[in-house]
């Protein structure tokens, strides 16, 4: 059974940090890119970050560059998204997804055409940043 399970969301004050987790199982993790996406109330889902398992390379949306950091724990097939200096505009439901093919550039997988690439989705975790 394919599973992507997010955790770590919650209420965080502006300026504080939060770490989200995405535990993956049931598929060949090595050949996927794991993406983080978010959807704020009344807005469309948008890509936030992608990380490729095979080489550890990362991609970040401009709005979160220098602000979020993605990483992988190979031993547990878990991908993390570290949110630093949280801002009210970071409030959203955060989803992780497994994307393929991992041979494409991260800019392609996580950019404007991202909707073509997710194979699996997690259920999402709510992040609320209080002002």
Foldseek 3Di string as FASTA:
>chain_A
DWAWAKDWADEAAAQAKTKMKIFTDDDDLQQWKKWKWWDDPPGDIATAKIAHNPPGDMDGDPVCVVAWDWGADVVGRMIMIMGGRDDQVVWTWMKMFIWDRPPDDPCCCRHPNVVVTGPDIHPTDTHGYDD
